[in-house]
Amino acid sequence: MQRDELADFLRRRREAIRPAEVGLADGPRRRTAGLRREEVAMLAGMSSDYVVRLEQGRSSQPSTQMLGALARALRLSDDERDHLFHLAGHQPPPADGTAALARAGLLRMLDLLGDTPAMVLSDVGETLAQNRASLLLGGDQTGYQGDRRYHVYRWFTDPAIPALHPAGERERLSRATVSDLRAVAGRRHDDPTVVRLISALLEKSGDFRRLWEEHEVGVRRADRKTFLHPRVGRLDMNCETLVTPDQRQMLLVLTPADAESRERLDLLRVVGIEEFSV
């Protein structure tokens, strides 16, 4: 671990980012054009004290999870992210592995979407990054461990997840979720992550087994979902998916399908984040 180099790199990257680039207001009393340490800490989900110790070269070796969070908070490019991992004494995450980080270009698009709910997903359905509007709509989906990282696993093993949508939509959404995974399995048939995930679902969920045996295949590019939010009620949302050329990551954008849903989404931004498990 190269503590001094790591400290200098983190400090310079923090000072190079304007608050507006990460959705923060400049504010009248800001003395620097860059981010404050506490803002980096907030964006990365860690303590301000830890960020201070990193920038002063006094910290222990950060974990790969911490580095990934810092890379997202500081909007590092792929090369900068790899450099960060090297300075901290870790190998960078593989481009196609389960530890993959959201691509810098997708993160920039995420920031530009502002009040429109959006998230970056892996092709297996792991949420790699969300903007604030997405957090308001569906809660934080980036903190899961193990197979629960994948939306398809939560959908078929946790009854609370389908319950966020009307009963009449759940069969259709289940079929679409399984057909998505079928398409991924076709492209990545020898990937141990995908093989293990499918095996776990076949073991744990009768509904998944039933749909998997039908062998339906399809990649969703556009869809409509209804969310039953505990604070503002029903929101009908159009879902548009932008996929990277290698099909390993995607940007999911959700826009209100009607005027009533738009009004409720505006209300949701006012009332703030509803803390509920998903």
C-alpha atoms as a PDB file:
ATOM      1  CA  MET A   1       0.000   0.000   0.000  1.00  0.00           C
ATOM      2  CA  GLN A   2       1.391   3.390  -1.049  1.00  0.00           C
ATOM      3  CA  ARG A   3      -0.143   5.594   1.656  1.00  0.00           C
ATOM      4  CA  ASP A   4       1.313   8.947   0.633  1.00  0.00           C
ATOM      5  CA  GLU A   5       0.518   8.451  -3.054  1.00  0.00           C
ATOM      6  CA  LEU A   6      -2.985   7.235  -2.199  1.00  0.00           C
ATOM      7  CA  ALA A   7      -3.577  10.253   0.046  1.00  0.00           C
ATOM      8  CA  ASP A   8      -2.386  12.678  -2.627  1.00  0.00           C
ATOM      9  CA  PHE A   9      -4.468  11.028  -5.356  1.00  0.00           C
ATOM     10  CA  LEU A  10      -7.661  11.075  -3.300  1.00  0.00           C
ATOM     11  CA  ARG A  11      -7.162  14.684  -2.254  1.00  0.00           C
ATOM     12  CA  ARG A  12      -6.510  15.881  -5.816  1.00  0.00           C
ATOM     13  CA  ARG A  13      -9.477  13.991  -7.229  1.00  0.00           C
ATOM     14  CA  ARG A  14     -11.756  15.428  -4.517  1.00  0.00           C
ATOM     15  CA  GLU A  15     -10.585  18.963  -5.245  1.00  0.00           C
ATOM     16  CA  ALA A  16     -11.083  18.473  -8.998  1.00  0.00           C
ATOM     17  CA  ILE A  17     -14.810  17.664  -8.817  1.00  0.00           C
ATOM     18  CA  ARG A  18     -17.381  20.416  -8.819  1.00  0.00           C
ATOM     19  CA  PRO A  19     -20.374  19.801  -6.531  1.00  0.00           C
ATOM     20  CA  ALA A  20     -22.798  20.109  -9.448  1.00  0.00           C
ATOM     21  CA  GLU A  21     -21.141  17.090 -11.093  1.00  0.00           C
ATOM     22  CA  VAL A  22     -22.437  14.873  -8.281  1.00  0.00           C
ATOM     23  CA  GLY A  23     -25.776  16.611  -7.776  1.00  0.00           C
ATOM     24  CA  LEU A  24     -24.785  18.924  -4.902  1.00  0.00           C
ATOM     25  CA  ALA A  25     -25.406  22.650  -4.642  1.00  0.00           C
ATOM     26  CA  ASP A  26     -22.391  24.983  -4.653  1.00  0.00           C
ATOM     27  CA  GLY A  27     -23.676  27.023  -1.721  1.00  0.00           C
ATOM     28  CA  PRO A  28     -22.739  30.665  -0.949  1.00  0.00           C
ATOM     29  CA  ARG A  29     -20.066  29.878   1.680  1.00  0.00           C
ATOM     30  CA  ARG A  30     -18.064  27.299  -0.268  1.00  0.00           C
ATOM     31  CA  ARG A  31     -14.362  28.217  -0.171  1.00  0.00           C
ATOM     32  CA  THR A  32     -13.171  25.680  -2.734  1.00  0.00           C
ATOM     33  CA  ALA A  33     -14.450  24.594  -6.129  1.00  0.00           C
ATOM     34  CA  GLY A  34     -14.051  20.941  -5.184  1.00  0.00           C
ATOM     35  CA  LEU A  35     -15.926  18.678  -2.813  1.00  0.00           C
ATOM     36  CA  ARG A  36     -15.610  18.833   0.945  1.00  0.00           C
ATOM     37  CA  ARG A  37     -14.390  15.727   2.762  1.00  0.00           C
ATOM     38  CA  GLU A  38     -17.750  15.284   4.449  1.00  0.00           C
ATOM     39  CA  GLU A  39     -19.440  15.356   1.039  1.00  0.00           C
ATOM     40  CA  VAL A  40     -17.168  12.591  -0.242  1.00  0.00           C
ATOM     41  CA  ALA A  41     -17.948  10.634   2.921  1.00  0.00           C
ATOM     42  CA  MET A  42     -21.686  11.071   2.373  1.00  0.00           C
ATOM     43  CA  LEU A  43     -21.488   9.995  -1.277  1.00  0.00           C
ATOM     44  CA  ALA A  44     -19.318   6.984  -0.420  1.00  0.00           C
ATOM     45  CA  GLY A  45     -21.315   5.915   2.633  1.00  0.00           C
ATOM     46  CA  MET A  46     -18.427   6.134   5.101  1.00  0.00           C
ATOM     47  CA  SER A  47     -17.397   8.360   7.997  1.00  0.00           C
ATOM     48  CA  SER A  48     -15.817  11.766   7.466  1.00  0.00           C
ATOM     49  CA  ASP A  49     -13.070  10.786   9.899  1.00  0.00           C
ATOM     50  CA  TYR A  50     -12.094   7.864   7.678  1.00  0.00           C
ATOM     51  CA  VAL A  51     -11.846  10.119   4.627  1.00  0.00           C
ATOM     52  CA  VAL A  52      -9.648  12.517   6.629  1.00  0.00           C
ATOM     53  CA  ARG A  53      -7.347   9.690   7.707  1.00  0.00           C
ATOM     54  CA  LEU A  54      -7.076   8.416   4.129  1.00  0.00           C
ATOM     55  CA  GLU A  55      -6.114  11.868   2.855  1.00  0.00           C
ATOM     56  CA  GLN A  56      -3.571  12.262   5.652  1.00  0.00           C
ATOM     57  CA  GLY A  57      -1.975   8.865   5.027  1.00  0.00           C
ATOM     58  CA  ARG A  58      -2.949   7.594   8.491  1.00  0.00           C
ATOM     59  CA  SER A  59      -5.472   4.895   7.609  1.00  0.00           C
ATOM     60  CA  SER A  60      -5.190   1.138   7.554  1.00  0.00           C
ATOM     61  CA  GLN A  61      -5.485  -0.542   4.172  1.00  0.00           C
ATOM     62  CA  PRO A  62      -8.977   0.170   2.785  1.00  0.00           C
ATOM     63  CA  SER A  63     -11.048  -2.793   1.663  1.00  0.00           C
ATOM     64  CA  THR A  64     -12.031  -3.325  -1.958  1.00  0.00           C
ATOM     65  CA  GLN A  65     -15.596  -2.373  -0.969  1.00  0.00           C
ATOM     66  CA  MET A  66     -14.355   0.955   0.415  1.00  0.00           C
ATOM     67  CA  LEU A  67     -12.325   1.580  -2.721  1.00  0.00           C
ATOM     68  CA  GLY A  68     -15.306   0.843  -4.921  1.00  0.00           C
ATOM     69  CA  ALA A  69     -17.421   3.303  -2.950  1.00  0.00           C
ATOM     70  CA  LEU A  70     -14.723   5.981  -3.232  1.00  0.00           C
ATOM     71  CA  ALA A  71     -14.365   5.369  -6.969  1.00  0.00           C
ATOM     72  CA  ARG A  72     -18.113   5.921  -7.421  1.00  0.00           C
ATOM     73  CA  ALA A  73     -18.184   8.991  -5.162  1.00  0.00           C
ATOM     74  CA  LEU A  74     -15.235  10.616  -6.961  1.00  0.00           C
ATOM     75  CA  ARG A  75     -16.542   9.644 -10.414  1.00  0.00           C
ATOM     76  CA  LEU A  76     -13.237   8.006 -11.349  1.00  0.00           C
ATOM     77  CA  SER A  77     -12.673   6.801 -14.880  1.00  0.00           C
ATOM     78  CA  ASP A  78     -11.876   3.112 -15.364  1.00  0.00           C
ATOM     79  CA  ASP A  79      -8.143   3.868 -15.506  1.00  0.00           C
ATOM     80  CA  GLU A  80      -8.314   6.084 -12.405  1.00  0.00           C
ATOM     81  CA  ARG A  81     -10.258   3.411 -10.549  1.00  0.00           C
ATOM     82  CA  ASP A  82      -7.620   0.783 -11.392  1.00  0.00           C
ATOM     83  CA  HIS A  83      -4.894   3.212 -10.252  1.00  0.00           C
ATOM     84  CA  LEU A  84      -6.731   3.711  -6.951  1.00  0.00           C
ATOM     85  CA  PHE A  85      -6.815  -0.038  -6.340  1.00  0.00           C
ATOM     86  CA  HIS A  86      -3.100  -0.381  -7.131  1.00  0.00           C
ATOM     87  CA  LEU A  87      -2.171   2.449  -4.745  1.00  0.00           C
ATOM     88  CA  ALA A  88      -4.160   0.738  -1.992  1.00  0.00           C
ATOM     89  CA  GLY A  89      -2.376  -2.575  -2.587  1.00  0.00           C
ATOM     90  CA  HIS A  90      -5.267  -4.417  -4.256  1.00  0.00           C
ATOM     91  CA  GLN A  91      -5.770  -5.867  -7.696  1.00  0.00           C
ATOM     92  CA  PRO A  92      -8.411  -3.924  -9.658  1.00  0.00           C
ATOM     93  CA  PRO A  93     -11.742  -5.739 -10.031  1.00  0.00           C
ATOM     94  CA  PRO A  94     -12.110  -7.719 -13.260  1.00  0.00           C
ATOM     95  CA  ALA A  95     -14.186  -6.040 -15.933  1.00  0.00           C
ATOM     96  CA  ASP A  96     -16.606  -8.971 -16.036  1.00  0.00           C
ATOM     97  CA  GLY A  97     -16.459 -10.225 -12.462  1.00  0.00           C
ATOM     98  CA  THR A  98     -18.946 -10.068  -9.627  1.00  0.00           C
ATOM     99  CA  ALA A  99     -17.005  -7.164  -8.093  1.00  0.00           C
ATOM    100  CA  ALA A 100     -17.510  -5.007 -11.195  1.00  0.00           C
ATOM    101  CA  LEU A 101     -17.995  -1.283 -10.617  1.00  0.00           C
ATOM    102  CA  ALA A 102     -20.304   0.980 -12.555  1.00  0.00           C
ATOM    103  CA  ARG A 103     -18.555   2.412 -15.587  1.00  0.00           C
ATOM    104  CA  ALA A 104     -17.536   6.023 -15.374  1.00  0.00           C
ATOM    105  CA  GLY A 105     -19.538   6.980 -18.457  1.00  0.00           C
ATOM    106  CA  LEU A 106     -22.722   5.499 -17.019  1.00  0.00           C
ATOM    107  CA  LEU A 107     -22.118   7.309 -13.731  1.00  0.00           C
ATOM    108  CA  ARG A 108     -21.847  10.615 -15.586  1.00  0.00           C
ATOM    109  CA  MET A 109     -25.156   9.897 -17.332  1.00  0.00           C
ATOM    110  CA  LEU A 110     -26.670   8.986 -13.961  1.00  0.00           C
ATOM    111  CA  ASP A 111     -25.693  12.401 -12.593  1.00  0.00           C
ATOM    112  CA  LEU A 112     -27.148  14.221 -15.599  1.00  0.00           C
ATOM    113  CA  LEU A 113     -30.553  12.597 -15.108  1.00  0.00           C
ATOM    114  CA  GLY A 114     -31.081  14.622 -11.921  1.00  0.00           C
ATOM    115  CA  ASP A 115     -34.620  14.102 -10.595  1.00  0.00           C
ATOM    116  CA  THR A 116     -35.336  11.178 -12.944  1.00  0.00           C
ATOM    117  CA  PRO A 117     -34.978   7.818 -11.149  1.00  0.00           C
ATOM    118  CA  ALA A 118     -32.137   5.820 -12.689  1.00  0.00           C
ATOM    119  CA  MET A 119     -29.650   3.115 -11.760  1.00  0.00           C
ATOM    120  CA  VAL A 120     -26.713   1.236 -13.212  1.00  0.00           C
ATOM    121  CA  LEU A 121     -27.084  -2.551 -13.227  1.00  0.00           C
ATOM    122  CA  SER A 122     -24.904  -5.464 -14.190  1.00  0.00           C
ATOM    123  CA  ASP A 123     -26.346  -7.884 -16.736  1.00  0.00           C
ATOM    124  CA  VAL A 124     -27.024 -10.320 -13.868  1.00  0.00           C
ATOM    125  CA  GLY A 125     -29.125  -7.702 -12.096  1.00  0.00           C
ATOM    126  CA  GLU A 126     -26.765  -6.387  -9.434  1.00  0.00           C
ATOM    127  CA  THR A 127     -27.348  -2.689  -8.727  1.00  0.00           C
ATOM    128  CA  LEU A 128     -23.975  -0.946  -9.065  1.00  0.00           C
ATOM    129  CA  ALA A 129     -25.101   2.666  -8.575  1.00  0.00           C
ATOM    130  CA  GLN A 130     -28.288   4.691  -8.019  1.00  0.00           C
ATOM    131  CA  ASN A 131     -29.140   8.355  -8.085  1.00  0.00           C
ATOM    132  CA  ARG A 132     -31.126   9.966  -5.273  1.00  0.00           C
ATOM    133  CA  ALA A 133     -34.413   9.804  -7.180  1.00  0.00           C
ATOM    134  CA  SER A 134     -33.995   6.035  -7.527  1.00  0.00           C
ATOM    135  CA  LEU A 135     -33.315   5.739  -3.799  1.00  0.00           C
ATOM    136  CA  LEU A 136     -36.520   7.627  -3.089  1.00  0.00           C
ATOM    137  CA  LEU A 137     -38.523   5.362  -5.362  1.00  0.00           C
ATOM    138  CA  GLY A 138     -37.212   1.931  -4.422  1.00  0.00           C
ATOM    139  CA  GLY A 139     -34.780   2.227  -1.528  1.00  0.00           C
ATOM    140  CA  ASP A 140     -31.064   1.464  -1.460  1.00  0.00           C
ATOM    141  CA  GLN A 141     -30.337  -1.629  -3.539  1.00  0.00           C
ATOM    142  CA  THR A 142     -26.529  -1.481  -3.457  1.00  0.00           C
ATOM    143  CA  GLY A 143     -25.796  -2.824   0.021  1.00  0.00           C
ATOM    144  CA  TYR A 144     -26.731  -6.488  -0.318  1.00  0.00           C
ATOM    145  CA  GLN A 145     -24.298  -9.364   0.104  1.00  0.00           C
ATOM    146  CA  GLY A 146     -24.074 -12.809  -1.471  1.00  0.00           C
ATOM    147  CA  ASP A 147     -26.798 -13.879  -3.887  1.00  0.00           C
ATOM    148  CA  ARG A 148     -29.119 -11.190  -2.515  1.00  0.00           C
ATOM    149  CA  ARG A 149     -27.122  -8.709  -4.577  1.00  0.00           C
ATOM    150  CA  TYR A 150     -29.069  -9.900  -7.609  1.00  0.00           C
ATOM    151  CA  HIS A 151     -32.605  -8.650  -8.180  1.00  0.00           C
ATOM    152  CA  VAL A 152     -33.750 -11.991  -9.602  1.00  0.00           C
ATOM    153  CA  TYR A 153     -32.710 -13.771  -6.405  1.00  0.00           C
ATOM    154  CA  ARG A 154     -34.528 -11.307  -4.152  1.00  0.00           C
ATOM    155  CA  TRP A 155     -37.606 -11.427  -6.382  1.00  0.00           C
ATOM    156  CA  PHE A 156     -38.008 -15.189  -6.021  1.00  0.00           C
ATOM    157  CA  THR A 157     -36.859 -15.644  -2.409  1.00  0.00           C
ATOM    158  CA  ASP A 158     -38.176 -12.559  -0.587  1.00  0.00           C
ATOM    159  CA  PRO A 159     -41.985 -12.069  -0.738  1.00  0.00           C
ATOM    160  CA  ALA A 160     -41.578  -8.404   0.204  1.00  0.00           C
ATOM    161  CA  ILE A 161     -40.036  -7.608  -3.191  1.00  0.00           C
ATOM    162  CA  PRO A 162     -42.939  -8.663  -5.470  1.00  0.00           C
ATOM    163  CA  ALA A 163     -45.297  -7.044  -2.927  1.00  0.00           C
ATOM    164  CA  LEU A 164     -43.949  -3.655  -4.043  1.00  0.00           C
ATOM    165  CA  HIS A 165     -45.912  -4.201  -7.280  1.00  0.00           C
ATOM    166  CA  PRO A 166     -49.643  -4.963  -7.850  1.00  0.00           C
ATOM    167  CA  ALA A 167     -50.599  -8.640  -7.705  1.00  0.00           C
ATOM    168  CA  GLY A 168     -51.832  -8.523 -11.299  1.00  0.00           C
ATOM    169  CA  GLU A 169     -48.369  -7.581 -12.579  1.00  0.00           C
ATOM    170  CA  ARG A 170     -46.288 -10.099 -10.660  1.00  0.00           C
ATOM    171  CA  GLU A 171     -46.566 -13.066 -13.046  1.00  0.00           C
ATOM    172  CA  ARG A 172     -45.579 -10.889 -15.997  1.00  0.00           C
ATOM    173  CA  LEU A 173     -42.643  -9.400 -14.105  1.00  0.00           C
ATOM    174  CA  SER A 174     -41.561 -12.868 -12.942  1.00  0.00           C
ATOM    175  CA  ARG A 175     -41.555 -14.156 -16.516  1.00  0.00           C
ATOM    176  CA  ALA A 176     -39.632 -11.135 -17.773  1.00  0.00           C
ATOM    177  CA  THR A 177     -37.057 -11.503 -14.988  1.00  0.00           C
ATOM    178  CA  VAL A 178     -36.469 -15.186 -15.775  1.00  0.00           C
ATOM    179  CA  SER A 179     -36.290 -14.605 -19.533  1.00  0.00           C
ATOM    180  CA  ASP A 180     -33.661 -11.909 -18.910  1.00  0.00           C
ATOM    181  CA  LEU A 181     -31.581 -14.373 -16.919  1.00  0.00           C
ATOM    182  CA  ARG A 182     -32.011 -16.985 -19.672  1.00  0.00           C
ATOM    183  CA  ALA A 183     -30.484 -14.562 -22.164  1.00  0.00           C
ATOM    184  CA  VAL A 184     -27.564 -13.848 -19.832  1.00  0.00           C
ATOM    185  CA  ALA A 185     -27.029 -17.559 -19.233  1.00  0.00           C
ATOM    186  CA  GLY A 186     -26.847 -18.107 -22.984  1.00  0.00           C
ATOM    187  CA  ARG A 187     -24.088 -15.534 -23.355  1.00  0.00           C
ATOM    188  CA  ARG A 188     -22.259 -16.558 -20.174  1.00  0.00           C
ATOM    189  CA  HIS A 189     -22.977 -20.282 -20.007  1.00  0.00           C
ATOM    190  CA  ASP A 190     -19.555 -21.062 -18.506  1.00  0.00           C
ATOM    191  CA  ASP A 191     -19.506 -18.198 -15.994  1.00  0.00           C
ATOM    192  CA  PRO A 192     -19.441 -19.703 -12.466  1.00  0.00           C
ATOM    193  CA  THR A 193     -21.326 -16.713 -11.038  1.00  0.00           C
ATOM    194  CA  VAL A 194     -24.273 -17.250 -13.375  1.00  0.00           C
ATOM    195  CA  VAL A 195     -24.215 -21.040 -12.961  1.00  0.00           C
ATOM    196  CA  ARG A 196     -24.215 -20.749  -9.171  1.00  0.00           C
ATOM    197  CA  LEU A 197     -27.023 -18.181  -9.160  1.00  0.00           C
ATOM    198  CA  ILE A 198     -29.267 -20.359 -11.331  1.00  0.00           C
ATOM    199  CA  SER A 199     -28.554 -23.419  -9.195  1.00  0.00           C
ATOM    200  CA  ALA A 200     -29.440 -21.536  -6.018  1.00  0.00           C
ATOM    201  CA  LEU A 201     -32.725 -20.309  -7.503  1.00  0.00           C
ATOM    202  CA  LEU A 202     -33.673 -23.762  -8.802  1.00  0.00           C
ATOM    203  CA  GLU A 203     -33.151 -25.097  -5.297  1.00  0.00           C
ATOM    204  CA  LYS A 204     -34.975 -22.363  -3.389  1.00  0.00           C
ATOM    205  CA  SER A 205     -37.910 -21.318  -5.573  1.00  0.00           C
ATOM    206  CA  GLY A 206     -40.641 -23.461  -7.108  1.00  0.00           C
ATOM    207  CA  ASP A 207     -41.911 -20.483  -9.115  1.00  0.00           C
ATOM    208  CA  PHE A 208     -38.454 -19.970 -10.587  1.00  0.00           C
ATOM    209  CA  ARG A 209     -38.175 -23.681 -11.490  1.00  0.00           C
ATOM    210  CA  ARG A 210     -41.555 -23.556 -13.217  1.00  0.00           C
ATOM    211  CA  LEU A 211     -40.669 -20.550 -15.344  1.00  0.00           C
ATOM    212  CA  TRP A 212     -37.098 -21.677 -16.010  1.00  0.00           C
ATOM    213  CA  GLU A 213     -38.349 -24.963 -17.468  1.00  0.00           C
ATOM    214  CA  GLU A 214     -40.449 -23.051 -20.022  1.00  0.00           C
ATOM    215  CA  HIS A 215     -37.191 -21.755 -21.580  1.00  0.00           C
ATOM    216  CA  GLU A 216     -38.493 -18.319 -22.505  1.00  0.00           C
ATOM    217  CA  VAL A 217     -35.717 -15.946 -23.588  1.00  0.00           C
ATOM    218  CA  GLY A 218     -35.876 -12.180 -23.931  1.00  0.00           C
ATOM    219  CA  VAL A 219     -33.905  -9.071 -23.058  1.00  0.00           C
ATOM    220  CA  ARG A 220     -36.043  -6.174 -21.873  1.00  0.00           C
ATOM    221  CA  ARG A 221     -35.279  -2.867 -23.549  1.00  0.00           C
ATOM    222  CA  ALA A 222     -38.496  -1.080 -22.591  1.00  0.00           C
ATOM    223  CA  ASP A 223     -41.167  -1.927 -20.038  1.00  0.00           C
ATOM    224  CA  ARG A 224     -43.760  -0.424 -17.715  1.00  0.00           C
ATOM    225  CA  LYS A 225     -43.890  -1.098 -13.980  1.00  0.00           C
ATOM    226  CA  THR A 226     -46.257  -0.035 -11.256  1.00  0.00           C
ATOM    227  CA  PHE A 227     -44.685   0.718  -7.879  1.00  0.00           C
ATOM    228  CA  LEU A 228     -46.740   0.655  -4.675  1.00  0.00           C
ATOM    229  CA  HIS A 229     -44.858   3.151  -2.570  1.00  0.00           C
ATOM    230  CA  PRO A 230     -45.579   3.240   1.184  1.00  0.00           C
ATOM    231  CA  ARG A 231     -45.739   7.052   1.277  1.00  0.00           C
ATOM    232  CA  VAL A 232     -47.172   8.277  -2.001  1.00  0.00           C
ATOM    233  CA  GLY A 233     -49.040   5.244  -3.293  1.00  0.00           C
ATOM    234  CA  ARG A 234     -49.199   3.982  -6.857  1.00  0.00           C
ATOM    235  CA  LEU A 235     -46.695   5.189  -9.435  1.00  0.00           C
ATOM    236  CA  ASP A 236     -46.877   3.957 -13.028  1.00  0.00           C
ATOM    237  CA  MET A 237     -43.394   4.225 -14.518  1.00  0.00           C
ATOM    238  CA  ASN A 238     -42.031   3.686 -17.995  1.00  0.00           C
ATOM    239  CA  CYS A 239     -38.718   1.828 -17.935  1.00  0.00           C
ATOM    240  CA  GLU A 240     -36.087   2.358 -20.624  1.00  0.00           C
ATOM    241  CA  THR A 241     -32.836   0.383 -20.646  1.00  0.00           C
ATOM    242  CA  LEU A 242     -29.615   1.511 -22.310  1.00  0.00           C
ATOM    243  CA  VAL A 243     -27.133  -1.354 -22.663  1.00  0.00           C
ATOM    244  CA  THR A 244     -23.352  -1.067 -23.105  1.00  0.00           C
ATOM    245  CA  PRO A 245     -21.913  -2.598 -26.311  1.00  0.00           C
ATOM    246  CA  ASP A 246     -20.564  -5.647 -24.456  1.00  0.00           C
ATOM    247  CA  GLN A 247     -23.985  -6.115 -22.756  1.00  0.00           C
ATOM    248  CA  ARG A 248     -22.345  -6.350 -19.306  1.00  0.00           C
ATOM    249  CA  GLN A 249     -23.851  -3.186 -17.801  1.00  0.00           C
ATOM    250  CA  MET A 250     -26.985  -1.147 -18.373  1.00  0.00           C
ATOM    251  CA  LEU A 251     -28.542   2.157 -17.391  1.00  0.00           C
ATOM    252  CA  LEU A 252     -32.173   1.784 -16.317  1.00  0.00           C
ATOM    253  CA  VAL A 253     -34.195   5.011 -16.503  1.00  0.00           C
ATOM    254  CA  LEU A 254     -37.715   5.319 -15.074  1.00  0.00           C
ATOM    255  CA  THR A 255     -40.067   8.114 -16.116  1.00  0.00           C
ATOM    256  CA  PRO A 256     -43.673   8.750 -14.999  1.00  0.00           C
ATOM    257  CA  ALA A 257     -46.198   7.200 -17.367  1.00  0.00           C
ATOM    258  CA  ASP A 258     -48.970   9.690 -16.603  1.00  0.00           C
ATOM    259  CA  ALA A 259     -49.656  13.032 -14.946  1.00  0.00           C
ATOM    260  CA  GLU A 260     -50.790  11.498 -11.647  1.00  0.00           C
ATOM    261  CA  SER A 261     -47.592   9.468 -11.323  1.00  0.00           C
ATOM    262  CA  ARG A 262     -45.543  12.562 -12.112  1.00  0.00           C
ATOM    263  CA  GLU A 263     -47.287  14.492  -9.339  1.00  0.00           C
ATOM    264  CA  ARG A 264     -46.677  11.670  -6.865  1.00  0.00           C
ATOM    265  CA  LEU A 265     -43.017  11.446  -7.857  1.00  0.00           C
ATOM    266  CA  ASP A 266     -42.699  15.191  -7.282  1.00  0.00           C
ATOM    267  CA  LEU A 267     -44.311  14.722  -3.866  1.00  0.00           C
ATOM    268  CA  LEU A 268     -41.857  11.914  -3.093  1.00  0.00           C
ATOM    269  CA  ARG A 269     -38.928  14.246  -3.704  1.00  0.00           C
ATOM    270  CA  VAL A 270     -40.422  16.620  -1.117  1.00  0.00           C
ATOM    271  CA  VAL A 271     -41.174  14.118   1.636  1.00  0.00           C
ATOM    272  CA  GLY A 272     -37.710  12.553   1.382  1.00  0.00           C
ATOM    273  CA  ILE A 273     -36.356   9.044   1.601  1.00  0.00           C
ATOM    274  CA  GLU A 274     -38.691   6.448   3.026  1.00  0.00           C
ATOM    275  CA  GLU A 275     -36.637   3.989   5.043  1.00  0.00           C
ATOM    276  CA  PHE A 276     -37.977   0.567   4.250  1.00  0.00           C
ATOM    277  CA  SER A 277     -36.261  -2.705   3.348  1.00  0.00           C
ATOM    278  CA  VAL A 278     -36.309  -4.010  -0.215  1.00  0.00           C
END
